[in-house]
Amino acid sequence: MVQQSGSDKHELQTRWIYAIPIINRYIHRIGLSDILSSRMGGGGIVPNTSCLMIMLRNILMEREPVYGMGKWVSSIEPSLLGITANQTDHVNDDRMGRTLDMLFDVDRGSMLVEIVKNVIEKFGIGMDEFHNDSTTVTFSGNYEDADGTDKRGKGTAEITYGHNKDHRPDLKQLLWTLTVSSDHSVPVHYMALDGNTQDTRTHIDTWNFLRDLSGRSDFIYVADSKLCSKDNMKYINENHGKFITVLPATRSETSWFHEYIQDHRVDWKDAFIRRRSKGDIEFRVFDSPIPSSEGFRIVWVWSSQKEDLDSHTRDRKIKESVSKLESIESSLQRRHMKKQRIVEKAEEAIKGVPFIRYEIREEQVETFRKSGRGRPSARSTYRKIEMPVYHMSWAMDKYAVEKDSRSDGIFPLITNCMDAEASDVLSRYKYQPMLEKRYEQLKTVYGVMPVLFKSITRIEGFLFVYFIAMIIQSLIERDVRIAMVNSGIKSIPLYPEERECPSPTCYRIFSAFDNMQVHHLISNGEETERFYTDISDVQKLILSLLSISEEEFRPE
């Protein structure tokens, strides 16, 4: 926003700088503008590439809806956005929408490969291990345009119902898969797919992309249990790849091991301890005596945190079931209920809780009922009727509880890394939560908002820009954290009240520059002087870690 003060002859214009110079440095290092302009030249008063770069900066900085983009642009120092002051009025929601349409029409696949290869080469991203996961992007409304049919000769994803990971089965969705390098979770690949796509079907295409990208097949591919299908594992193994995933609870090998540990001693080996302020988490590992049905290695893992969780979950379920049984027994005292109905309610109460045994007892109670019609009198006769009354009792099956408790805290991994230490297999798998952190940022911090578009072509274009934003924010976090380690800096005071932050996120880094402005003093229509916000010590430290000059925050 432009602020004005003084008379007609003197004016002070204030525009924001924020952390945009940091973003610009990474846009330049990746070579984004050159890659985009080579495929999307032209565009009128504001070039297509400039529009996309403005949207990219906005996603990282403000996450404004597309209809608020024009207002946001007018508040920023235009030179930082790669445009002139005269061009700012031409940046609006319609212009952004048309740019996304043009982005859809170009070959985004080859452009993605070129961008990621530049990132890998210029930042030295490790290619030894990749992690894959999926989430859903949820939509409200019909989205009749997103029916999966070709648009302008190109295939599109269908926004439809599926297994919604936001727990909203009533809403339509797209499936979004993301693959990151284990090198600080830098994204290297994504796919936007039909909302009803099964995760199992996505892994072979993803693995092939990674093989072509890295020029090798011996990298380790880590994913959730949807990777654990015969076709997926066989394909990766036969093509000389490595994988680590979770063995589903429905597999026979899982139930076999749960029975095995009932009467066999398990020689658990210490893996590692994860230090946390809330309490340390201990991990142990054990190689299964038998391989999977496909001949792959199974590594069983014990976690102290999961052991506590499993125990508490079992206790909670038992208490909930007992409460339901008590409610049934209480209702039997107030009204008559058929035995079959009591059994149905009792079975429902202990469903999924095989630790409770119940018994229904029948008691015959005598009652007398007047014979014939009319009011009772001294001459009335009565007949005796015996009616069944039911009572319920229950008891804990201590043997079942003890048997189940032997499985507390354990889960299986399946891999074809036959020679690796079991603890190494686990440590590679445990990096998966870092990928989940990227999804948390997708849904919360950066608030992906393709739902504001009704056209599937624009939605797919937006998701491409969003993927680039994820790359940039991960690179910034990576560079800061590596520089902190190299400089012996344990934390930076980025939290409110200058509290220390040991692992700065891009959001916290950018927030440190929320006060940065440039003030233009205008006299008689001409700029006579320019003032900049002073750079604080924390800001100087961040810029030093990122090897960015303070002059970048003094745009000319």
Protein backbone atom coordinates (compact mmCIF):
# COMPACT_ATOMS: atom_id res chain seq x y z
CA MET A 1 0.00 0.00 0.00
CA VAL A 2 1.22 3.52 -0.81
CA GLN A 3 1.25 5.97 2.07
CA GLN A 4 1.11 9.72 1.40
CA SER A 5 1.85 12.72 3.59
CA GLY A 6 2.57 16.43 3.24
CA SER A 7 1.28 18.98 0.72
CA ASP A 8 0.71 18.60 -3.00
CA LYS A 9 4.41 19.36 -3.64
CA HIS A 10 5.81 16.78 -1.23
CA GLU A 11 4.84 13.14 -0.96
CA LEU A 12 6.21 10.15 0.91
CA GLN A 13 5.56 6.82 -0.77
CA THR A 14 6.20 3.68 1.26
CA ARG A 15 6.50 0.25 -0.30
CA TRP A 16 7.36 -3.11 1.19
CA ILE A 17 10.52 -5.11 0.67
CA TYR A 18 9.84 -8.02 3.02
CA ALA A 19 12.14 -11.03 2.34
CA ILE A 20 11.65 -10.80 -1.42
CA PRO A 21 15.39 -10.18 -2.12
CA ILE A 22 16.08 -13.61 -0.59
CA ILE A 23 13.52 -15.23 -2.88
CA ASN A 24 14.95 -13.36 -5.87
CA ARG A 25 18.41 -14.74 -5.17
CA TYR A 26 17.10 -18.31 -5.36
CA ILE A 27 15.00 -17.61 -8.45
CA HIS A 28 18.21 -16.38 -10.08
CA ARG A 29 20.36 -19.30 -8.88
CA ILE A 30 17.88 -21.86 -10.21
CA GLY A 31 17.55 -19.99 -13.50
CA LEU A 32 13.77 -19.99 -13.29
CA SER A 33 13.13 -16.88 -15.36
CA ASP A 34 15.24 -18.16 -18.25
CA ILE A 35 13.56 -21.57 -18.21
CA LEU A 36 10.06 -20.11 -18.15
CA SER A 37 10.67 -17.34 -20.68
CA SER A 38 12.14 -19.83 -23.16
CA ARG A 39 8.77 -21.58 -23.22
CA MET A 40 6.33 -18.79 -22.35
CA GLY A 41 7.57 -15.68 -24.12
CA GLY A 42 5.40 -12.62 -24.64
CA GLY A 43 2.21 -11.90 -22.76
CA GLY A 44 1.53 -8.23 -23.35
CA ILE A 45 2.29 -5.34 -21.02
CA VAL A 46 3.32 -7.69 -18.21
CA PRO A 47 5.21 -10.72 -19.60
CA ASN A 48 3.98 -14.21 -18.76
CA THR A 49 7.20 -15.03 -16.94
CA SER A 50 6.87 -11.92 -14.77
CA CYS A 51 3.31 -12.90 -13.84
CA LEU A 52 4.39 -16.40 -12.80
CA MET A 53 7.31 -15.06 -10.78
CA ILE A 54 4.96 -12.62 -9.02
CA MET A 55 2.61 -15.48 -8.16
CA LEU A 56 5.56 -17.55 -6.94
CA ARG A 57 6.76 -14.77 -4.63
CA ASN A 58 3.23 -14.25 -3.35
CA ILE A 59 2.78 -17.95 -2.51
CA LEU A 60 5.99 -17.86 -0.49
CA MET A 61 5.35 -14.50 1.19
CA GLU A 62 1.66 -13.71 1.60
CA ARG A 63 -0.47 -16.51 0.10
CA GLU A 64 -3.04 -13.97 -1.12
CA PRO A 65 -6.00 -15.31 -3.12
CA VAL A 66 -5.59 -14.57 -6.81
CA TYR A 67 -8.25 -11.85 -6.63
CA GLY A 68 -6.09 -10.01 -4.06
CA MET A 69 -2.90 -10.22 -6.11
CA GLY A 70 -3.23 -6.75 -7.64
CA LYS A 71 -3.51 -5.06 -4.26
CA TRP A 72 -0.52 -6.98 -2.95
CA VAL A 73 1.61 -6.11 -6.00
CA SER A 74 0.83 -2.41 -5.62
CA SER A 75 2.21 -2.48 -2.06
CA ILE A 76 5.59 -3.97 -3.07
CA GLU A 77 8.61 -2.14 -4.45
CA PRO A 78 8.06 -2.95 -8.17
CA SER A 79 11.72 -3.47 -9.06
CA LEU A 80 11.80 -6.42 -6.65
CA LEU A 81 9.02 -8.05 -8.68
CA GLY A 82 10.81 -7.51 -11.97
CA ILE A 83 8.30 -4.94 -13.22
CA THR A 84 7.98 -1.16 -13.41
CA ALA A 85 5.57 1.06 -11.50
CA ASN A 86 3.53 1.51 -14.69
CA GLN A 87 3.05 -2.25 -15.01
CA THR A 88 1.62 -2.80 -11.52
CA ASP A 89 -1.90 -1.72 -12.52
CA HIS A 90 -1.97 -4.47 -15.15
CA VAL A 91 -1.43 -7.29 -12.64
CA ASN A 92 -4.87 -8.61 -11.68
CA ASP A 93 -6.77 -11.87 -11.23
CA ASP A 94 -7.75 -12.09 -14.90
CA ARG A 95 -4.15 -11.65 -16.03
CA MET A 96 -2.94 -14.28 -13.58
CA GLY A 97 -5.62 -16.72 -14.69
CA ARG A 98 -4.69 -16.33 -18.36
CA THR A 99 -1.04 -16.87 -17.48
CA LEU A 100 -1.88 -20.15 -15.73
CA ASP A 101 -3.79 -21.24 -18.83
CA MET A 102 -0.68 -20.57 -20.90
CA LEU A 103 1.41 -22.51 -18.39
CA PHE A 104 -0.93 -25.48 -18.79
CA ASP A 105 -0.44 -25.41 -22.56
CA VAL A 106 3.37 -25.68 -22.47
CA ASP A 107 5.33 -28.87 -21.81
CA ARG A 108 5.39 -28.75 -18.03
CA GLY A 109 6.99 -32.20 -17.84
CA SER A 110 10.21 -31.21 -19.59
CA MET A 111 10.20 -27.88 -17.76
CA LEU A 112 9.96 -29.72 -14.42
CA VAL A 113 12.92 -31.91 -15.35
CA GLU A 114 15.04 -28.90 -16.35
CA ILE A 115 14.21 -27.01 -13.15
CA VAL A 116 14.97 -29.98 -10.89
CA LYS A 117 18.20 -30.79 -12.72
CA ASN A 118 19.33 -27.19 -12.27
CA VAL A 119 18.55 -27.43 -8.55
CA ILE A 120 20.46 -30.70 -8.20
CA GLU A 121 23.49 -29.40 -10.09
CA LYS A 122 23.73 -25.90 -8.63
CA PHE A 123 22.94 -26.83 -5.02
CA GLY A 124 24.60 -30.26 -4.95
CA ILE A 125 21.47 -32.11 -3.84
CA GLY A 126 22.09 -35.73 -2.85
CA MET A 127 20.55 -38.40 -5.08
CA ASP A 128 21.17 -41.52 -2.99
CA GLU A 129 17.78 -41.71 -1.31
CA PHE A 130 14.27 -40.47 -2.06
CA HIS A 131 11.07 -40.41 -0.02
CA ASN A 132 7.58 -40.50 -1.50
CA ASP A 133 4.16 -39.86 0.02
CA SER A 134 0.75 -38.63 -1.08
CA THR A 135 -2.01 -36.40 0.22
CA THR A 136 -5.29 -35.03 -1.08
CA VAL A 137 -6.15 -31.50 -2.17
CA THR A 138 -9.79 -31.05 -1.18
CA PHE A 139 -12.36 -29.02 -3.13
CA SER A 140 -15.86 -27.75 -2.34
CA GLY A 141 -18.30 -27.49 -5.23
CA ASN A 142 -19.06 -29.30 -8.46
CA TYR A 143 -16.04 -28.45 -10.62
CA GLU A 144 -17.83 -29.76 -13.71
CA ASP A 145 -14.90 -28.67 -15.88
CA ALA A 146 -12.56 -31.07 -14.02
CA ASP A 147 -14.00 -34.28 -15.48
CA GLY A 148 -10.74 -35.85 -16.63
CA THR A 149 -11.28 -35.15 -20.32
CA ASP A 150 -8.63 -33.64 -22.60
CA LYS A 151 -8.38 -29.86 -22.61
CA ARG A 152 -6.82 -28.23 -25.65
CA GLY A 153 -5.29 -31.55 -26.62
CA LYS A 154 -3.78 -32.34 -23.21
CA GLY A 155 -4.91 -34.73 -20.50
CA THR A 156 -6.25 -33.38 -17.21
CA ALA A 157 -6.86 -34.76 -13.75
CA GLU A 158 -10.41 -35.43 -12.57
CA ILE A 159 -11.61 -33.78 -9.37
CA THR A 160 -13.78 -36.50 -7.89
CA TYR A 161 -14.54 -38.47 -4.73
CA GLY A 162 -11.95 -40.81 -3.26
CA HIS A 163 -10.23 -41.78 -0.03
CA ASN A 164 -9.94 -38.30 1.46
CA LYS A 165 -6.92 -37.82 3.73
CA ASP A 166 -8.44 -34.66 5.19
CA HIS A 167 -11.23 -36.86 6.58
CA ARG A 168 -13.83 -35.22 4.34
CA PRO A 169 -15.35 -38.05 2.27
CA ASP A 170 -18.22 -35.71 1.35
CA LEU A 171 -15.89 -33.48 -0.70
CA LYS A 172 -14.15 -33.99 -4.02
CA GLN A 173 -10.39 -34.08 -4.33
CA LEU A 174 -7.23 -34.45 -6.36
CA LEU A 175 -4.47 -36.85 -5.33
CA TRP A 176 -1.11 -35.09 -4.94
CA THR A 177 2.07 -37.15 -4.71
CA LEU A 178 5.38 -35.62 -3.66
CA THR A 179 8.89 -37.06 -3.77
CA VAL A 180 11.79 -35.44 -1.92
CA SER A 181 15.49 -36.12 -1.64
CA SER A 182 16.73 -37.22 1.77
CA ASP A 183 19.07 -34.23 1.49
CA HIS A 184 17.03 -31.81 3.63
CA SER A 185 13.73 -32.89 2.00
CA VAL A 186 14.24 -30.93 -1.21
CA PRO A 187 11.30 -31.77 -3.56
CA VAL A 188 12.28 -33.34 -6.89
CA HIS A 189 8.98 -34.61 -8.29
CA TYR A 190 5.22 -34.29 -7.94
CA MET A 191 2.08 -35.55 -9.66
CA ALA A 192 -1.48 -34.22 -9.61
CA LEU A 193 -3.78 -37.17 -10.30
CA ASP A 194 -7.46 -38.10 -10.42
CA GLY A 195 -9.06 -37.92 -6.99
CA ASN A 196 -9.90 -41.63 -6.99
CA THR A 197 -6.41 -42.80 -8.01
CA GLN A 198 -5.05 -45.63 -5.88
CA ASP A 199 -1.67 -44.78 -4.35
CA THR A 200 -0.40 -48.25 -5.25
CA ARG A 201 -0.48 -47.37 -8.95
CA THR A 202 1.71 -44.26 -8.67
CA HIS A 203 5.02 -45.74 -7.54
CA ILE A 204 6.36 -47.32 -10.73
CA ASP A 205 5.94 -44.08 -12.70
CA THR A 206 7.59 -42.12 -9.90
CA TRP A 207 10.48 -44.56 -9.63
CA ASN A 208 11.06 -44.43 -13.40
CA PHE A 209 11.18 -40.62 -13.26
CA LEU A 210 13.76 -40.73 -10.47
CA ARG A 211 15.87 -43.22 -12.40
CA ASP A 212 15.87 -40.99 -15.47
CA LEU A 213 16.54 -37.90 -13.35
CA SER A 214 19.48 -39.36 -11.43
CA GLY A 215 20.87 -41.49 -14.26
CA ARG A 216 21.08 -44.48 -11.93
CA SER A 217 18.83 -47.13 -10.42
CA ASP A 218 20.63 -48.07 -7.20
CA PHE A 219 19.14 -45.27 -5.09
CA ILE A 220 16.93 -46.15 -2.12
CA TYR A 221 13.22 -45.46 -2.59
CA VAL A 222 11.24 -45.07 0.66
CA ALA A 223 7.44 -44.90 0.77
CA ASP A 224 4.45 -45.87 2.88
CA SER A 225 2.70 -49.24 2.85
CA LYS A 226 1.05 -48.58 -0.54
CA LEU A 227 4.43 -49.40 -2.08
CA CYS A 228 4.16 -52.89 -0.61
CA SER A 229 2.54 -54.64 -3.55
CA LYS A 230 4.02 -57.58 -5.42
CA ASP A 231 4.16 -55.66 -8.72
CA ASN A 232 5.81 -52.55 -7.23
CA MET A 233 8.48 -54.37 -5.26
CA LYS A 234 9.21 -56.84 -8.05
CA TYR A 235 9.61 -54.04 -10.61
CA ILE A 236 12.05 -52.04 -8.49
CA ASN A 237 14.04 -55.12 -7.52
CA GLU A 238 14.30 -56.47 -11.08
CA ASN A 239 15.50 -53.05 -12.27
CA HIS A 240 18.31 -53.05 -9.68
CA GLY A 241 16.66 -50.52 -7.38
CA LYS A 242 16.37 -50.50 -3.59
CA PHE A 243 13.23 -49.91 -1.55
CA ILE A 244 12.08 -49.64 2.06
CA THR A 245 8.43 -49.63 3.04
CA VAL A 246 6.00 -50.76 5.74
CA LEU A 247 4.61 -54.28 5.68
CA PRO A 248 0.80 -53.95 6.03
CA ALA A 249 -0.93 -55.48 9.03
CA THR A 250 -3.11 -57.53 6.67
CA ARG A 251 -0.15 -59.57 5.40
CA SER A 252 0.23 -63.14 6.67
CA GLU A 253 3.85 -62.48 7.66
CA THR A 254 2.62 -59.91 10.19
CA SER A 255 0.16 -62.24 11.91
CA TRP A 256 2.79 -65.01 11.85
CA PHE A 257 5.27 -62.89 13.81
CA HIS A 258 2.66 -61.86 16.37
CA GLU A 259 2.12 -65.57 17.05
CA TYR A 260 5.84 -66.27 16.94
CA ILE A 261 6.69 -63.87 19.76
CA GLN A 262 4.20 -65.57 22.08
CA ASP A 263 6.53 -68.51 22.71
CA HIS A 264 9.87 -67.41 21.23
CA ARG A 265 12.52 -65.14 22.65
CA VAL A 266 13.20 -62.14 20.43
CA ASP A 267 16.77 -60.86 20.49
CA TRP A 268 16.08 -57.15 20.02
CA LYS A 269 19.12 -55.04 19.14
CA ASP A 270 19.43 -51.40 20.16
CA ALA A 271 19.13 -49.14 17.12
CA PHE A 272 19.24 -45.55 18.33
CA ILE A 273 17.64 -43.09 20.75
CA ARG A 274 15.90 -39.97 19.51
CA ARG A 275 16.38 -37.16 22.01
CA ARG A 276 13.34 -34.95 22.63
CA SER A 277 12.39 -32.34 25.21
CA LYS A 278 9.15 -34.27 25.84
CA GLY A 279 11.03 -37.49 26.49
CA ASP A 280 13.47 -39.68 24.62
CA ILE A 281 12.25 -42.31 22.14
CA GLU A 282 14.12 -45.60 22.08
CA PHE A 283 14.22 -47.86 19.01
CA ARG A 284 15.22 -51.53 18.66
CA VAL A 285 15.32 -53.82 15.64
CA PHE A 286 15.09 -57.53 14.87
CA ASP A 287 15.44 -59.41 11.57
CA SER A 288 12.48 -61.71 11.02
CA PRO A 289 13.37 -65.44 10.95
CA ILE A 290 11.41 -65.75 7.71
CA PRO A 291 11.41 -63.57 4.57
CA SER A 292 8.31 -62.23 2.88
CA SER A 293 6.40 -64.38 0.41
CA GLU A 294 8.31 -62.56 -2.34
CA GLY A 295 11.64 -63.41 -0.71
CA PHE A 296 12.39 -59.94 0.64
CA ARG A 297 13.83 -59.07 4.04
CA ILE A 298 11.52 -58.16 6.93
CA VAL A 299 12.88 -55.99 9.74
CA TRP A 300 10.77 -55.71 12.88
CA VAL A 301 11.00 -52.48 14.85
CA TRP A 302 10.19 -51.76 18.49
CA SER A 303 9.56 -48.17 19.58
CA SER A 304 9.15 -47.06 23.19
CA GLN A 305 6.78 -44.32 22.05
CA LYS A 306 4.62 -46.75 20.09
CA GLU A 307 4.62 -49.17 23.02
CA ASP A 308 3.13 -46.49 25.26
CA LEU A 309 0.66 -45.52 22.55
CA ASP A 310 -0.46 -49.12 21.95
CA SER A 311 -0.90 -49.72 25.68
CA HIS A 312 -2.90 -46.52 26.17
CA THR A 313 -5.01 -47.26 23.10
CA ARG A 314 -5.88 -50.73 24.40
CA ASP A 315 -6.76 -49.36 27.86
CA ARG A 316 -8.94 -46.67 26.30
CA LYS A 317 -10.81 -49.17 24.13
CA ILE A 318 -11.37 -51.46 27.11
CA LYS A 319 -12.77 -48.60 29.20
CA GLU A 320 -15.03 -47.47 26.37
CA SER A 321 -16.36 -51.02 25.90
CA VAL A 322 -16.97 -51.50 29.63
CA SER A 323 -18.84 -48.20 29.72
CA LYS A 324 -21.08 -49.38 26.87
CA LEU A 325 -21.74 -52.71 28.60
CA GLU A 326 -22.65 -50.89 31.82
CA SER A 327 -25.09 -48.78 29.84
CA ILE A 328 -26.70 -51.92 28.41
CA GLU A 329 -27.00 -53.49 31.86
CA SER A 330 -28.54 -50.30 33.22
CA SER A 331 -31.12 -50.24 30.44
CA LEU A 332 -32.11 -53.84 31.23
CA GLN A 333 -33.32 -52.67 34.64
CA ARG A 334 -35.69 -50.16 33.09
CA ARG A 335 -37.22 -51.97 30.13
CA HIS A 336 -37.69 -55.38 28.63
CA MET A 337 -35.34 -56.33 25.82
CA LYS A 338 -35.21 -59.50 23.77
CA LYS A 339 -32.13 -61.65 24.23
CA GLN A 340 -31.13 -61.44 20.57
CA ARG A 341 -31.16 -57.65 20.76
CA ILE A 342 -29.01 -57.74 23.92
CA VAL A 343 -26.45 -59.94 22.18
CA GLU A 344 -26.34 -57.57 19.20
CA LYS A 345 -25.75 -54.55 21.42
CA ALA A 346 -23.10 -56.38 23.47
CA GLU A 347 -21.22 -57.51 20.36
CA GLU A 348 -21.29 -53.96 19.06
CA ALA A 349 -19.94 -52.71 22.41
CA ILE A 350 -16.88 -55.00 22.34
CA LYS A 351 -16.27 -54.82 18.59
CA GLY A 352 -12.53 -54.65 17.97
CA VAL A 353 -11.81 -55.27 21.68
CA PRO A 354 -11.13 -59.02 22.11
CA PHE A 355 -10.20 -58.63 25.77
CA ILE A 356 -13.66 -58.78 27.35
CA ARG A 357 -15.86 -61.82 27.89
CA TYR A 358 -19.50 -61.23 28.72
CA GLU A 359 -22.33 -63.45 29.94
CA ILE A 360 -26.08 -62.96 29.72
CA ARG A 361 -28.07 -64.57 32.54
CA GLU A 362 -31.78 -65.23 32.32
CA GLU A 363 -34.05 -65.03 35.37
CA GLN A 364 -37.75 -65.91 35.44
CA VAL A 365 -39.80 -63.31 37.31
CA GLU A 366 -43.38 -64.01 38.37
CA THR A 367 -46.04 -61.40 37.73
CA PHE A 368 -49.86 -61.55 37.99
CA ARG A 369 -52.28 -60.21 35.44
CA LYS A 370 -56.05 -59.81 35.88
CA SER A 371 -58.20 -62.15 33.89
CA GLY A 372 -60.96 -60.73 31.76
CA ARG A 373 -62.05 -57.17 31.12
CA GLY A 374 -63.13 -54.38 33.43
CA ARG A 375 -61.87 -52.73 36.52
CA PRO A 376 -60.29 -54.80 39.32
CA SER A 377 -62.75 -55.80 42.08
CA ALA A 378 -63.05 -58.20 45.02
CA ARG A 379 -64.33 -60.87 42.63
CA SER A 380 -61.51 -60.42 40.08
CA THR A 381 -59.31 -63.40 39.30
CA TYR A 382 -55.64 -63.26 38.34
CA ARG A 383 -53.30 -65.51 36.43
CA LYS A 384 -49.61 -66.00 37.11
CA ILE A 385 -47.20 -65.13 34.32
CA GLU A 386 -43.48 -65.88 34.28
CA MET A 387 -41.41 -63.37 32.31
CA PRO A 388 -37.69 -63.62 31.46
CA VAL A 389 -35.50 -60.84 32.84
CA TYR A 390 -31.91 -60.61 31.65
CA HIS A 391 -28.76 -59.54 33.44
CA MET A 392 -25.33 -59.01 32.00
CA SER A 393 -21.94 -59.58 33.56
CA TRP A 394 -18.48 -59.36 32.09
CA ALA A 395 -14.86 -60.01 32.95
CA MET A 396 -11.44 -59.18 31.56
CA ASP A 397 -9.64 -61.90 29.61
CA LYS A 398 -6.24 -61.46 31.22
CA TYR A 399 -4.63 -63.99 28.90
CA ALA A 400 -5.82 -62.07 25.81
CA VAL A 401 -4.53 -58.80 27.28
CA GLU A 402 -1.15 -60.34 28.11
CA LYS A 403 -0.89 -61.87 24.63
CA ASP A 404 -1.72 -58.62 22.91
CA SER A 405 0.68 -56.64 25.11
CA ARG A 406 3.59 -58.69 23.79
CA SER A 407 3.06 -56.94 20.45
CA ASP A 408 3.03 -53.44 21.92
CA GLY A 409 5.35 -51.04 20.14
CA ILE A 410 6.29 -53.20 17.16
CA PHE A 411 5.82 -52.75 13.43
CA PRO A 412 7.45 -54.38 10.36
CA LEU A 413 9.48 -52.93 7.49
CA ILE A 414 10.09 -54.79 4.24
CA THR A 415 13.13 -54.11 2.06
CA ASN A 416 15.46 -55.58 -0.53
CA CYS A 417 18.46 -53.93 1.16
CA MET A 418 19.67 -57.36 2.17
CA ASP A 419 23.15 -56.40 3.40
CA ALA A 420 22.33 -53.18 5.25
CA GLU A 421 22.29 -53.06 9.03
CA ALA A 422 18.75 -53.33 10.40
CA SER A 423 19.28 -50.08 12.31
CA ASP A 424 20.26 -48.35 9.04
CA VAL A 425 17.07 -49.57 7.36
CA LEU A 426 15.07 -48.09 10.23
CA SER A 427 16.92 -44.76 10.28
CA ARG A 428 16.28 -44.30 6.55
CA TYR A 429 12.60 -45.06 7.00
CA LYS A 430 12.31 -42.69 9.98
CA TYR A 431 13.23 -39.78 7.70
CA GLN A 432 9.68 -40.09 6.30
CA PRO A 433 8.21 -37.61 8.86
CA MET A 434 10.31 -34.87 7.22
CA LEU A 435 8.28 -35.42 4.05
CA GLU A 436 5.09 -35.27 6.11
CA LYS A 437 6.31 -31.88 7.36
CA ARG A 438 6.25 -30.68 3.76
CA TYR A 439 2.59 -31.71 3.58
CA GLU A 440 1.86 -29.87 6.81
CA GLN A 441 3.27 -26.74 5.20
CA LEU A 442 1.22 -27.47 2.08
CA LYS A 443 -2.03 -27.52 4.07
CA THR A 444 -1.31 -24.90 6.76
CA VAL A 445 1.65 -22.53 6.52
CA TYR A 446 1.52 -22.02 2.78
CA GLY A 447 -2.19 -22.80 2.50
CA VAL A 448 -2.36 -24.19 -1.04
CA MET A 449 -5.50 -22.66 -2.53
CA PRO A 450 -6.20 -24.05 -6.02
CA VAL A 451 -9.84 -24.23 -4.95
CA LEU A 452 -10.12 -20.54 -5.84
CA PHE A 453 -9.90 -21.53 -9.51
CA LYS A 454 -12.80 -23.26 -11.25
CA SER A 455 -10.85 -24.28 -14.36
CA ILE A 456 -8.86 -27.50 -14.14
CA THR A 457 -6.27 -26.08 -16.54
CA ARG A 458 -5.61 -23.19 -14.17
CA ILE A 459 -5.61 -25.50 -11.15
CA GLU A 460 -2.94 -27.71 -12.72
CA GLY A 461 -0.90 -24.64 -13.66
CA PHE A 462 -1.15 -23.32 -10.12
CA LEU A 463 -0.01 -26.63 -8.61
CA PHE A 464 3.07 -26.48 -10.84
CA VAL A 465 3.92 -23.01 -9.50
CA TYR A 466 3.27 -24.23 -5.97
CA PHE A 467 5.72 -27.10 -6.46
CA ILE A 468 8.42 -24.57 -7.45
CA ALA A 469 7.59 -22.61 -4.28
CA MET A 470 8.16 -25.77 -2.22
CA ILE A 471 11.55 -26.23 -3.87
CA ILE A 472 12.64 -22.68 -3.04
CA GLN A 473 11.53 -22.76 0.57
CA SER A 474 13.29 -26.11 1.11
CA LEU A 475 16.51 -24.78 -0.45
CA ILE A 476 16.47 -21.73 1.82
CA GLU A 477 15.96 -23.91 4.90
CA ARG A 478 18.72 -26.25 3.74
CA ASP A 479 21.24 -23.47 3.18
CA VAL A 480 20.53 -21.81 6.54
CA ARG A 481 20.78 -25.05 8.51
CA ILE A 482 23.96 -26.21 6.78
CA ALA A 483 25.55 -22.80 7.34
CA MET A 484 24.52 -22.89 11.02
CA VAL A 485 26.27 -26.23 11.48
CA ASN A 486 29.38 -25.05 9.64
CA SER A 487 29.46 -21.85 11.72
CA GLY A 488 28.79 -23.59 15.03
CA ILE A 489 25.51 -21.71 15.53
CA LYS A 490 23.01 -23.79 17.50
CA SER A 491 19.97 -21.51 17.18
CA ILE A 492 18.68 -18.14 15.99
CA PRO A 493 16.19 -15.99 18.00
CA LEU A 494 13.34 -16.14 15.46
CA TYR A 495 10.43 -17.06 17.72
CA PRO A 496 8.26 -14.40 19.41
CA GLU A 497 9.92 -12.66 22.33
CA GLU A 498 13.27 -13.48 20.69
CA ARG A 499 13.12 -17.11 21.76
CA GLU A 500 15.70 -19.37 20.15
CA CYS A 501 14.90 -21.43 17.05
CA PRO A 502 17.31 -24.36 16.50
CA SER A 503 15.86 -25.44 13.11
CA PRO A 504 14.64 -22.34 11.27
CA THR A 505 11.84 -22.85 8.77
CA CYS A 506 11.36 -20.68 5.72
CA TYR A 507 8.29 -19.14 7.35
CA ARG A 508 10.32 -18.03 10.39
CA ILE A 509 13.16 -16.76 8.22
CA PHE A 510 10.82 -14.66 6.10
CA SER A 511 8.97 -13.38 9.17
CA ALA A 512 12.23 -11.86 10.41
CA PHE A 513 12.06 -9.45 7.45
CA ASP A 514 8.41 -8.43 7.83
CA ASN A 515 9.43 -4.87 8.77
CA MET A 516 11.57 -4.14 5.73
CA GLN A 517 10.39 -1.11 3.72
CA VAL A 518 11.63 1.53 1.31
CA HIS A 519 10.39 5.12 1.54
CA HIS A 520 10.42 7.40 -1.53
CA LEU A 521 10.43 11.15 -0.92
CA ILE A 522 8.73 12.81 -3.91
CA SER A 523 9.06 16.57 -4.49
CA ASN A 524 7.19 18.19 -7.37
CA GLY A 525 6.69 14.81 -9.00
CA GLU A 526 10.36 13.81 -8.82
CA GLU A 527 12.02 11.44 -6.36
CA THR A 528 14.57 13.36 -4.35
CA GLU A 529 15.57 10.88 -1.69
CA ARG A 530 15.13 7.25 -0.68
CA PHE A 531 15.16 5.78 2.85
CA TYR A 532 15.47 2.11 3.84
CA THR A 533 14.61 0.23 7.02
CA ASP A 534 17.73 -0.47 9.07
CA ILE A 535 18.84 -4.10 8.99
CA SER A 536 18.82 -5.70 12.45
CA ASP A 537 21.49 -8.00 13.87
CA VAL A 538 19.28 -11.08 13.40
CA GLN A 539 18.60 -10.11 9.81
CA LYS A 540 22.32 -9.58 9.21
CA LEU A 541 23.02 -13.03 10.64
CA ILE A 542 20.48 -14.68 8.33
CA LEU A 543 21.84 -12.85 5.29
CA SER A 544 25.35 -13.89 6.26
CA LEU A 545 24.29 -17.53 6.51
CA LEU A 546 22.66 -17.28 3.08
CA SER A 547 25.63 -15.39 1.58
CA ILE A 548 23.33 -12.55 0.52
CA SER A 549 24.56 -8.96 0.54
CA GLU A 550 22.75 -6.33 2.60
CA GLU A 551 22.69 -4.22 -0.56
CA GLU A 552 20.01 -6.56 -1.93
CA PHE A 553 17.64 -4.89 0.56
CA ARG A 554 18.35 -1.45 -0.87
CA PRO A 555 16.73 -1.73 -4.32
CA GLU A 556 17.42 1.10 -6.74
